[in-house]
Amino acid sequence: MIHETDAERADAQAEHAEHADRAEHADRAEHAEPAEPTVPQGAGPWPGGRVAWPDDPRYDPELLEHGDARNVVDRYRYWRMDAIVADLDTRRHPFHVAIENWQHDLNIGSIVRTANAFAAETVHIIGRRRWNKRGAMVTDRYQHLAYHPDVADFVAWARTEGLPIIAVDNVEGSRPVDDVDLPERCVLLFGQEGPGLSDAALAAADHVVEITQYGSTRSINASAAAAIVMHEWVRRHARR
């Protein structure tokens, strides 16, 4: 029999407390409302003071007066958030993004951020309504989001909209995405880090694609895979 010494017991208790503290901190961070990120190249107050402010309702007086350090492209500098969303709505692309959310996956926020960068129409969260928003860097405020309680509800929506479901997973029978004719109107479906897509999601897909790899690892990060496939769509269909 191996007896645990007092020192070993103390170390184990300290390690347990540390893990509990990290878990509590992560939970608080997940559900806290994130602040708008700032960028070093943000703009200061509008030059010339109030008399020089643009006569345009899209501009936010608070930003004009105090400066705009948000992480937005120069086109939207000083604009109100609702004005940015309205402008994006005039030129969003006709592809949707869907993500299964059955476990605590930090990649979801990053996928939302990429969907915003490529002007996806809507991001659909399947499963748990609550998801970790830290990786989104507040881009979810500019991106349309929809929620589906399960795969069946999501599939019913896609069929009603006439959108083919393009599942992304490196499973038996999947085809390289660069060899597949990606439809202009479609929904790109991604799974969780590790387990990938559920059986129900794969069964509902019209096509299953994968990213060709050349190294030793079996798979790449879920958010990286999503970015590659979204850019593949953009490369083929987007208009500059």
C-alpha atoms as a PDB file:
ATOM      1  CA  MET A   1       0.000   0.000   0.000  1.00  0.00           C
ATOM      2  CA  ILE A   2       1.264   3.479  -0.850  1.00  0.00           C
ATOM      3  CA  HIS A   3       0.593   6.067   1.842  1.00  0.00           C
ATOM      4  CA  GLU A   4       0.105   9.693   0.874  1.00  0.00           C
ATOM      5  CA  THR A   5       2.322  12.037   2.854  1.00  0.00           C
ATOM      6  CA  ASP A   6       1.081  15.304   4.320  1.00  0.00           C
ATOM      7  CA  ALA A   7       3.140  17.225   1.749  1.00  0.00           C
ATOM      8  CA  GLU A   8       1.702  15.222  -1.128  1.00  0.00           C
ATOM      9  CA  ARG A   9      -1.811  15.687   0.234  1.00  0.00           C
ATOM     10  CA  ALA A  10      -1.245  19.441   0.516  1.00  0.00           C
ATOM     11  CA  ASP A  11       0.081  19.595  -3.041  1.00  0.00           C
ATOM     12  CA  ALA A  12      -2.965  17.714  -4.337  1.00  0.00           C
ATOM     13  CA  GLN A  13      -5.332  20.018  -2.475  1.00  0.00           C
ATOM     14  CA  ALA A  14      -3.542  23.076  -3.838  1.00  0.00           C
ATOM     15  CA  GLU A  15      -3.691  21.706  -7.379  1.00  0.00           C
ATOM     16  CA  HIS A  16      -7.410  20.967  -7.006  1.00  0.00           C
ATOM     17  CA  ALA A  17      -8.040  24.493  -5.738  1.00  0.00           C
ATOM     18  CA  GLU A  18      -6.074  25.931  -8.648  1.00  0.00           C
ATOM     19  CA  HIS A  19      -8.123  23.924 -11.166  1.00  0.00           C
ATOM     20  CA  ALA A  20     -11.371  25.021  -9.494  1.00  0.00           C
ATOM     21  CA  ASP A  21     -10.261  28.660  -9.558  1.00  0.00           C
ATOM     22  CA  ARG A  22      -9.394  28.450 -13.269  1.00  0.00           C
ATOM     23  CA  ALA A  23     -12.738  26.806 -14.056  1.00  0.00           C
ATOM     24  CA  GLU A  24     -14.641  29.503 -12.148  1.00  0.00           C
ATOM     25  CA  HIS A  25     -12.671  32.229 -13.901  1.00  0.00           C
ATOM     26  CA  ALA A  26     -13.346  30.656 -17.311  1.00  0.00           C
ATOM     27  CA  ASP A  27     -17.068  30.421 -16.558  1.00  0.00           C
ATOM     28  CA  ARG A  28     -17.221  34.090 -15.520  1.00  0.00           C
ATOM     29  CA  ALA A  29     -15.290  35.085 -18.630  1.00  0.00           C
ATOM     30  CA  GLU A  30     -17.581  33.062 -20.891  1.00  0.00           C
ATOM     31  CA  HIS A  31     -20.779  34.686 -19.684  1.00  0.00           C
ATOM     32  CA  ALA A  32     -19.492  38.212 -19.082  1.00  0.00           C
ATOM     33  CA  GLU A  33     -20.409  40.800 -21.685  1.00  0.00           C
ATOM     34  CA  PRO A  34     -17.136  41.497 -23.545  1.00  0.00           C
ATOM     35  CA  ALA A  35     -16.021  45.042 -24.185  1.00  0.00           C
ATOM     36  CA  GLU A  36     -15.544  46.348 -27.706  1.00  0.00           C
ATOM     37  CA  PRO A  37     -11.903  45.574 -28.597  1.00  0.00           C
ATOM     38  CA  THR A  38      -9.632  48.474 -29.393  1.00  0.00           C
ATOM     39  CA  VAL A  39      -6.884  48.752 -31.973  1.00  0.00           C
ATOM     40  CA  PRO A  40      -3.708  50.862 -31.860  1.00  0.00           C
ATOM     41  CA  GLN A  41      -4.525  52.477 -35.204  1.00  0.00           C
ATOM     42  CA  GLY A  42      -7.914  53.709 -33.985  1.00  0.00           C
ATOM     43  CA  ALA A  43      -8.915  57.263 -34.822  1.00  0.00           C
ATOM     44  CA  GLY A  44      -8.984  60.163 -32.369  1.00  0.00           C
ATOM     45  CA  PRO A  45     -11.717  62.814 -32.155  1.00  0.00           C
ATOM     46  CA  TRP A  46     -12.938  64.150 -35.492  1.00  0.00           C
ATOM     47  CA  PRO A  47     -10.477  66.845 -36.709  1.00  0.00           C
ATOM     48  CA  GLY A  48     -11.782  70.386 -36.502  1.00  0.00           C
ATOM     49  CA  GLY A  49     -14.167  69.915 -33.603  1.00  0.00           C
ATOM     50  CA  ARG A  50     -17.957  69.954 -33.660  1.00  0.00           C
ATOM     51  CA  VAL A  51     -18.190  72.542 -36.425  1.00  0.00           C
ATOM     52  CA  ALA A  52     -16.483  70.112 -38.800  1.00  0.00           C
ATOM     53  CA  TRP A  53     -18.627  67.057 -37.940  1.00  0.00           C
ATOM     54  CA  PRO A  54     -20.135  65.352 -41.003  1.00  0.00           C
ATOM     55  CA  ASP A  55     -23.856  65.908 -41.559  1.00  0.00           C
ATOM     56  CA  ASP A  56     -24.671  62.223 -41.845  1.00  0.00           C
ATOM     57  CA  PRO A  57     -27.009  60.277 -39.507  1.00  0.00           C
ATOM     58  CA  ARG A  58     -24.779  57.195 -39.746  1.00  0.00           C
ATOM     59  CA  TYR A  59     -22.135  58.887 -37.608  1.00  0.00           C
ATOM     60  CA  ASP A  60     -22.148  58.567 -33.809  1.00  0.00           C
ATOM     61  CA  PRO A  61     -21.733  61.895 -31.964  1.00  0.00           C
ATOM     62  CA  GLU A  62     -19.968  60.170 -29.052  1.00  0.00           C
ATOM     63  CA  LEU A  63     -17.383  58.647 -31.368  1.00  0.00           C
ATOM     64  CA  LEU A  64     -16.921  61.872 -33.286  1.00  0.00           C
ATOM     65  CA  GLU A  65     -16.258  63.728 -30.052  1.00  0.00           C
ATOM     66  CA  HIS A  66     -14.084  61.198 -28.229  1.00  0.00           C
ATOM     67  CA  GLY A  67     -12.563  59.095 -31.014  1.00  0.00           C
ATOM     68  CA  ASP A  68     -13.153  55.608 -32.359  1.00  0.00           C
ATOM     69  CA  ALA A  69     -10.776  52.858 -31.252  1.00  0.00           C
ATOM     70  CA  ARG A  70     -13.054  49.947 -32.245  1.00  0.00           C
ATOM     71  CA  ASN A  71     -11.777  47.066 -34.339  1.00  0.00           C
ATOM     72  CA  VAL A  72     -13.631  48.086 -37.500  1.00  0.00           C
ATOM     73  CA  VAL A  73     -12.403  48.800 -41.023  1.00  0.00           C
ATOM     74  CA  ASP A  74     -11.830  52.460 -41.924  1.00  0.00           C
ATOM     75  CA  ARG A  75     -15.024  52.482 -43.995  1.00  0.00           C
ATOM     76  CA  TYR A  76     -17.017  52.251 -40.753  1.00  0.00           C
ATOM     77  CA  ARG A  77     -14.931  54.536 -38.592  1.00  0.00           C
ATOM     78  CA  TYR A  78     -17.169  56.734 -36.389  1.00  0.00           C
ATOM     79  CA  TRP A  79     -20.330  54.971 -37.617  1.00  0.00           C
ATOM     80  CA  ARG A  80     -23.076  53.862 -35.229  1.00  0.00           C
ATOM     81  CA  MET A  81     -23.264  50.101 -34.716  1.00  0.00           C
ATOM     82  CA  ASP A  82     -26.767  49.824 -36.176  1.00  0.00           C
ATOM     83  CA  ALA A  83     -25.645  51.802 -39.233  1.00  0.00           C
ATOM     84  CA  ILE A  84     -22.775  49.358 -39.783  1.00  0.00           C
ATOM     85  CA  VAL A  85     -25.146  46.377 -39.559  1.00  0.00           C
ATOM     86  CA  ALA A  86     -27.565  48.030 -41.985  1.00  0.00           C
ATOM     87  CA  ASP A  87     -24.782  48.657 -44.500  1.00  0.00           C
ATOM     88  CA  LEU A  88     -23.490  45.088 -44.177  1.00  0.00           C
ATOM     89  CA  ASP A  89     -27.017  43.865 -44.857  1.00  0.00           C
ATOM     90  CA  THR A  90     -26.868  45.417 -48.327  1.00  0.00           C
ATOM     91  CA  ARG A  91     -23.885  43.296 -49.341  1.00  0.00           C
ATOM     92  CA  ARG A  92     -23.777  40.101 -47.296  1.00  0.00           C
ATOM     93  CA  HIS A  93     -22.882  36.976 -49.231  1.00  0.00           C
ATOM     94  CA  PRO A  94     -25.495  34.249 -49.851  1.00  0.00           C
ATOM     95  CA  PHE A  95     -23.711  31.560 -47.833  1.00  0.00           C
ATOM     96  CA  HIS A  96     -24.593  30.684 -44.237  1.00  0.00           C
ATOM     97  CA  VAL A  97     -22.447  29.112 -41.541  1.00  0.00           C
ATOM     98  CA  ALA A  98     -23.712  26.556 -39.024  1.00  0.00           C
ATOM     99  CA  ILE A  99     -21.921  25.186 -35.955  1.00  0.00           C
ATOM    100  CA  GLU A 100     -22.895  22.309 -33.706  1.00  0.00           C
ATOM    101  CA  ASN A 101     -22.655  23.387 -30.077  1.00  0.00           C
ATOM    102  CA  TRP A 102     -22.868  20.322 -27.850  1.00  0.00           C
ATOM    103  CA  GLN A 103     -19.831  21.002 -25.676  1.00  0.00           C
ATOM    104  CA  HIS A 104     -17.726  23.887 -24.373  1.00  0.00           C
ATOM    105  CA  ASP A 105     -15.827  24.736 -27.584  1.00  0.00           C
ATOM    106  CA  LEU A 106     -13.786  27.924 -27.713  1.00  0.00           C
ATOM    107  CA  ASN A 107     -13.630  27.703 -31.513  1.00  0.00           C
ATOM    108  CA  ILE A 108     -17.207  28.899 -31.971  1.00  0.00           C
ATOM    109  CA  GLY A 109     -16.322  32.522 -31.256  1.00  0.00           C
ATOM    110  CA  SER A 110     -13.454  32.417 -33.740  1.00  0.00           C
ATOM    111  CA  ILE A 111     -15.733  30.942 -36.412  1.00  0.00           C
ATOM    112  CA  VAL A 112     -18.256  33.742 -35.834  1.00  0.00           C
ATOM    113  CA  ARG A 113     -15.458  36.286 -36.208  1.00  0.00           C
ATOM    114  CA  THR A 114     -14.359  34.731 -39.511  1.00  0.00           C
ATOM    115  CA  ALA A 115     -17.946  34.617 -40.764  1.00  0.00           C
ATOM    116  CA  ASN A 116     -18.191  38.342 -40.080  1.00  0.00           C
ATOM    117  CA  ALA A 117     -14.905  38.999 -41.893  1.00  0.00           C
ATOM    118  CA  PHE A 118     -16.213  37.195 -45.001  1.00  0.00           C
ATOM    119  CA  ALA A 119     -19.701  38.762 -44.729  1.00  0.00           C
ATOM    120  CA  ALA A 120     -21.642  35.537 -44.279  1.00  0.00           C
ATOM    121  CA  GLU A 121     -25.395  35.960 -44.314  1.00  0.00           C
ATOM    122  CA  THR A 122     -26.106  34.325 -40.925  1.00  0.00           C
ATOM    123  CA  VAL A 123     -24.344  32.110 -38.399  1.00  0.00           C
ATOM    124  CA  HIS A 124     -26.521  29.295 -37.035  1.00  0.00           C
ATOM    125  CA  ILE A 125     -25.803  27.784 -33.619  1.00  0.00           C
ATOM    126  CA  ILE A 126     -27.160  24.230 -33.270  1.00  0.00           C
ATOM    127  CA  GLY A 127     -27.675  22.870 -29.769  1.00  0.00           C
ATOM    128  CA  ARG A 128     -26.806  24.897 -26.689  1.00  0.00           C
ATOM    129  CA  ARG A 129     -27.875  28.509 -27.022  1.00  0.00           C
ATOM    130  CA  ARG A 130     -25.054  29.722 -24.768  1.00  0.00           C
ATOM    131  CA  TRP A 131     -21.606  29.714 -26.326  1.00  0.00           C
ATOM    132  CA  ASN A 132     -18.215  31.184 -25.479  1.00  0.00           C
ATOM    133  CA  LYS A 133     -18.069  34.592 -27.139  1.00  0.00           C
ATOM    134  CA  ARG A 134     -14.505  35.543 -26.245  1.00  0.00           C
ATOM    135  CA  GLY A 135     -13.094  34.471 -29.611  1.00  0.00           C
ATOM    136  CA  ALA A 136     -15.747  36.462 -31.471  1.00  0.00           C
ATOM    137  CA  MET A 137     -14.148  39.733 -30.318  1.00  0.00           C
ATOM    138  CA  VAL A 138     -17.620  41.387 -30.319  1.00  0.00           C
ATOM    139  CA  THR A 139     -18.126  40.667 -34.043  1.00  0.00           C
ATOM    140  CA  ASP A 140     -21.357  38.869 -33.077  1.00  0.00           C
ATOM    141  CA  ARG A 141     -22.856  42.347 -32.606  1.00  0.00           C
ATOM    142  CA  TYR A 142     -22.468  42.938 -36.331  1.00  0.00           C
ATOM    143  CA  GLN A 143     -23.282  39.404 -37.490  1.00  0.00           C
ATOM    144  CA  HIS A 144     -26.763  37.896 -37.785  1.00  0.00           C
ATOM    145  CA  LEU A 145     -27.161  34.854 -35.525  1.00  0.00           C
ATOM    146  CA  ALA A 146     -29.842  32.173 -35.469  1.00  0.00           C
ATOM    147  CA  TYR A 147     -30.397  29.317 -33.041  1.00  0.00           C
ATOM    148  CA  HIS A 148     -31.678  25.766 -33.556  1.00  0.00           C
ATOM    149  CA  PRO A 149     -32.309  23.393 -30.639  1.00  0.00           C
ATOM    150  CA  ASP A 150     -31.221  20.327 -32.605  1.00  0.00           C
ATOM    151  CA  VAL A 151     -30.079  19.086 -36.002  1.00  0.00           C
ATOM    152  CA  ALA A 152     -33.633  18.256 -37.107  1.00  0.00           C
ATOM    153  CA  ASP A 153     -34.753  21.861 -36.606  1.00  0.00           C
ATOM    154  CA  PHE A 154     -31.712  23.167 -38.485  1.00  0.00           C
ATOM    155  CA  VAL A 155     -32.272  20.770 -41.397  1.00  0.00           C
ATOM    156  CA  ALA A 156     -35.948  21.740 -41.604  1.00  0.00           C
ATOM    157  CA  TRP A 157     -34.925  25.386 -41.885  1.00  0.00           C
ATOM    158  CA  ALA A 158     -32.316  24.653 -44.580  1.00  0.00           C
ATOM    159  CA  ARG A 159     -34.796  22.620 -46.634  1.00  0.00           C
ATOM    160  CA  THR A 160     -37.406  25.383 -46.385  1.00  0.00           C
ATOM    161  CA  GLU A 161     -34.841  27.903 -47.638  1.00  0.00           C
ATOM    162  CA  GLY A 162     -33.687  25.574 -50.412  1.00  0.00           C
ATOM    163  CA  LEU A 163     -30.096  25.658 -49.140  1.00  0.00           C
ATOM    164  CA  PRO A 164     -27.855  22.613 -49.667  1.00  0.00           C
ATOM    165  CA  ILE A 165     -25.947  21.600 -46.530  1.00  0.00           C
ATOM    166  CA  ILE A 166     -22.182  21.301 -47.038  1.00  0.00           C
ATOM    167  CA  ALA A 167     -20.739  19.424 -44.049  1.00  0.00           C
ATOM    168  CA  VAL A 168     -17.031  19.830 -43.321  1.00  0.00           C
ATOM    169  CA  ASP A 169     -15.353  16.824 -41.701  1.00  0.00           C
ATOM    170  CA  ASN A 170     -12.564  14.406 -42.621  1.00  0.00           C
ATOM    171  CA  VAL A 171     -14.640  11.240 -42.440  1.00  0.00           C
ATOM    172  CA  GLU A 172     -14.970   8.226 -44.707  1.00  0.00           C
ATOM    173  CA  GLY A 173     -16.437   9.279 -48.051  1.00  0.00           C
ATOM    174  CA  SER A 174     -15.690  13.005 -47.762  1.00  0.00           C
ATOM    175  CA  ARG A 175     -14.294  14.775 -50.841  1.00  0.00           C
ATOM    176  CA  PRO A 176     -11.572  17.440 -51.025  1.00  0.00           C
ATOM    177  CA  VAL A 177     -13.241  20.842 -50.874  1.00  0.00           C
ATOM    178  CA  ASP A 178     -11.118  22.110 -53.771  1.00  0.00           C
ATOM    179  CA  ASP A 179     -12.572  19.348 -55.977  1.00  0.00           C
ATOM    180  CA  VAL A 180     -16.210  20.062 -55.113  1.00  0.00           C
ATOM    181  CA  ASP A 181     -18.502  22.528 -56.857  1.00  0.00           C
ATOM    182  CA  LEU A 182     -19.483  24.695 -53.869  1.00  0.00           C
ATOM    183  CA  PRO A 183     -22.940  26.181 -54.524  1.00  0.00           C
ATOM    184  CA  GLU A 184     -23.250  29.956 -54.319  1.00  0.00           C
ATOM    185  CA  ARG A 185     -26.282  29.605 -52.041  1.00  0.00           C
ATOM    186  CA  CYS A 186     -25.498  27.082 -49.330  1.00  0.00           C
ATOM    187  CA  VAL A 187     -24.861  26.548 -45.650  1.00  0.00           C
ATOM    188  CA  LEU A 188     -21.432  25.403 -44.464  1.00  0.00           C
ATOM    189  CA  LEU A 189     -21.781  23.103 -41.466  1.00  0.00           C
ATOM    190  CA  PHE A 190     -18.975  22.648 -38.921  1.00  0.00           C
ATOM    191  CA  GLY A 191     -18.625  20.391 -35.885  1.00  0.00           C
ATOM    192  CA  GLN A 192     -16.837  20.505 -32.562  1.00  0.00           C
ATOM    193  CA  GLU A 193     -13.125  20.346 -31.923  1.00  0.00           C
ATOM    194  CA  GLY A 194     -12.252  16.673 -31.451  1.00  0.00           C
ATOM    195  CA  PRO A 195     -15.468  14.727 -32.147  1.00  0.00           C
ATOM    196  CA  GLY A 196     -16.305  16.659 -35.307  1.00  0.00           C
ATOM    197  CA  LEU A 197     -19.841  16.514 -36.672  1.00  0.00           C
ATOM    198  CA  SER A 198     -22.545  14.351 -35.135  1.00  0.00           C
ATOM    199  CA  ASP A 199     -23.907  11.346 -37.020  1.00  0.00           C
ATOM    200  CA  ALA A 200     -27.226  13.153 -37.464  1.00  0.00           C
ATOM    201  CA  ALA A 201     -25.523  16.150 -39.061  1.00  0.00           C
ATOM    202  CA  LEU A 202     -23.469  14.007 -41.435  1.00  0.00           C
ATOM    203  CA  ALA A 203     -26.555  12.025 -42.438  1.00  0.00           C
ATOM    204  CA  ALA A 204     -28.443  15.235 -43.264  1.00  0.00           C
ATOM    205  CA  ALA A 205     -25.659  16.745 -45.387  1.00  0.00           C
ATOM    206  CA  ASP A 206     -25.993  17.014 -49.154  1.00  0.00           C
ATOM    207  CA  HIS A 207     -22.201  16.928 -49.502  1.00  0.00           C
ATOM    208  CA  VAL A 208     -19.370  16.165 -47.069  1.00  0.00           C
ATOM    209  CA  VAL A 209     -16.043  17.847 -47.801  1.00  0.00           C
ATOM    210  CA  GLU A 210     -12.624  17.840 -46.202  1.00  0.00           C
ATOM    211  CA  ILE A 211      -9.434  19.888 -46.415  1.00  0.00           C
ATOM    212  CA  THR A 212      -6.516  18.109 -48.042  1.00  0.00           C
ATOM    213  CA  GLN A 213      -3.578  17.773 -45.640  1.00  0.00           C
ATOM    214  CA  TYR A 214       0.025  16.791 -46.219  1.00  0.00           C
ATOM    215  CA  GLY A 215       1.562  16.384 -42.766  1.00  0.00           C
ATOM    216  CA  SER A 216       1.296  13.899 -39.909  1.00  0.00           C
ATOM    217  CA  THR A 217      -1.632  15.317 -37.963  1.00  0.00           C
ATOM    218  CA  ARG A 218      -5.026  13.744 -38.563  1.00  0.00           C
ATOM    219  CA  SER A 219      -6.938  17.025 -38.359  1.00  0.00           C
ATOM    220  CA  ILE A 220      -6.522  20.771 -38.048  1.00  0.00           C
ATOM    221  CA  ASN A 221      -8.096  23.204 -35.614  1.00  0.00           C
ATOM    222  CA  ALA A 222     -11.860  23.608 -36.108  1.00  0.00           C
ATOM    223  CA  SER A 223     -11.743  27.393 -36.483  1.00  0.00           C
ATOM    224  CA  ALA A 224      -8.826  27.131 -38.929  1.00  0.00           C
ATOM    225  CA  ALA A 225     -10.769  24.609 -41.013  1.00  0.00           C
ATOM    226  CA  ALA A 226     -13.799  26.908 -41.033  1.00  0.00           C
ATOM    227  CA  ALA A 227     -11.681  29.839 -42.221  1.00  0.00           C
ATOM    228  CA  ILE A 228     -10.205  27.783 -45.061  1.00  0.00           C
ATOM    229  CA  VAL A 229     -13.575  26.580 -46.327  1.00  0.00           C
ATOM    230  CA  MET A 230     -15.183  30.023 -46.039  1.00  0.00           C
ATOM    231  CA  HIS A 231     -12.322  31.536 -47.990  1.00  0.00           C
ATOM    232  CA  GLU A 232     -12.704  28.812 -50.606  1.00  0.00           C
ATOM    233  CA  TRP A 233     -16.293  29.970 -51.057  1.00  0.00           C
ATOM    234  CA  VAL A 234     -15.213  33.625 -51.189  1.00  0.00           C
ATOM    235  CA  ARG A 235     -12.466  32.869 -53.701  1.00  0.00           C
ATOM    236  CA  ARG A 236     -14.998  31.372 -56.078  1.00  0.00           C
ATOM    237  CA  HIS A 237     -18.075  33.533 -55.614  1.00  0.00           C
ATOM    238  CA  ALA A 238     -17.321  36.886 -53.971  1.00  0.00           C
ATOM    239  CA  ARG A 239     -17.328  40.069 -56.023  1.00  0.00           C
ATOM    240  CA  ARG A 240     -14.750  42.683 -55.124  1.00  0.00           C
END
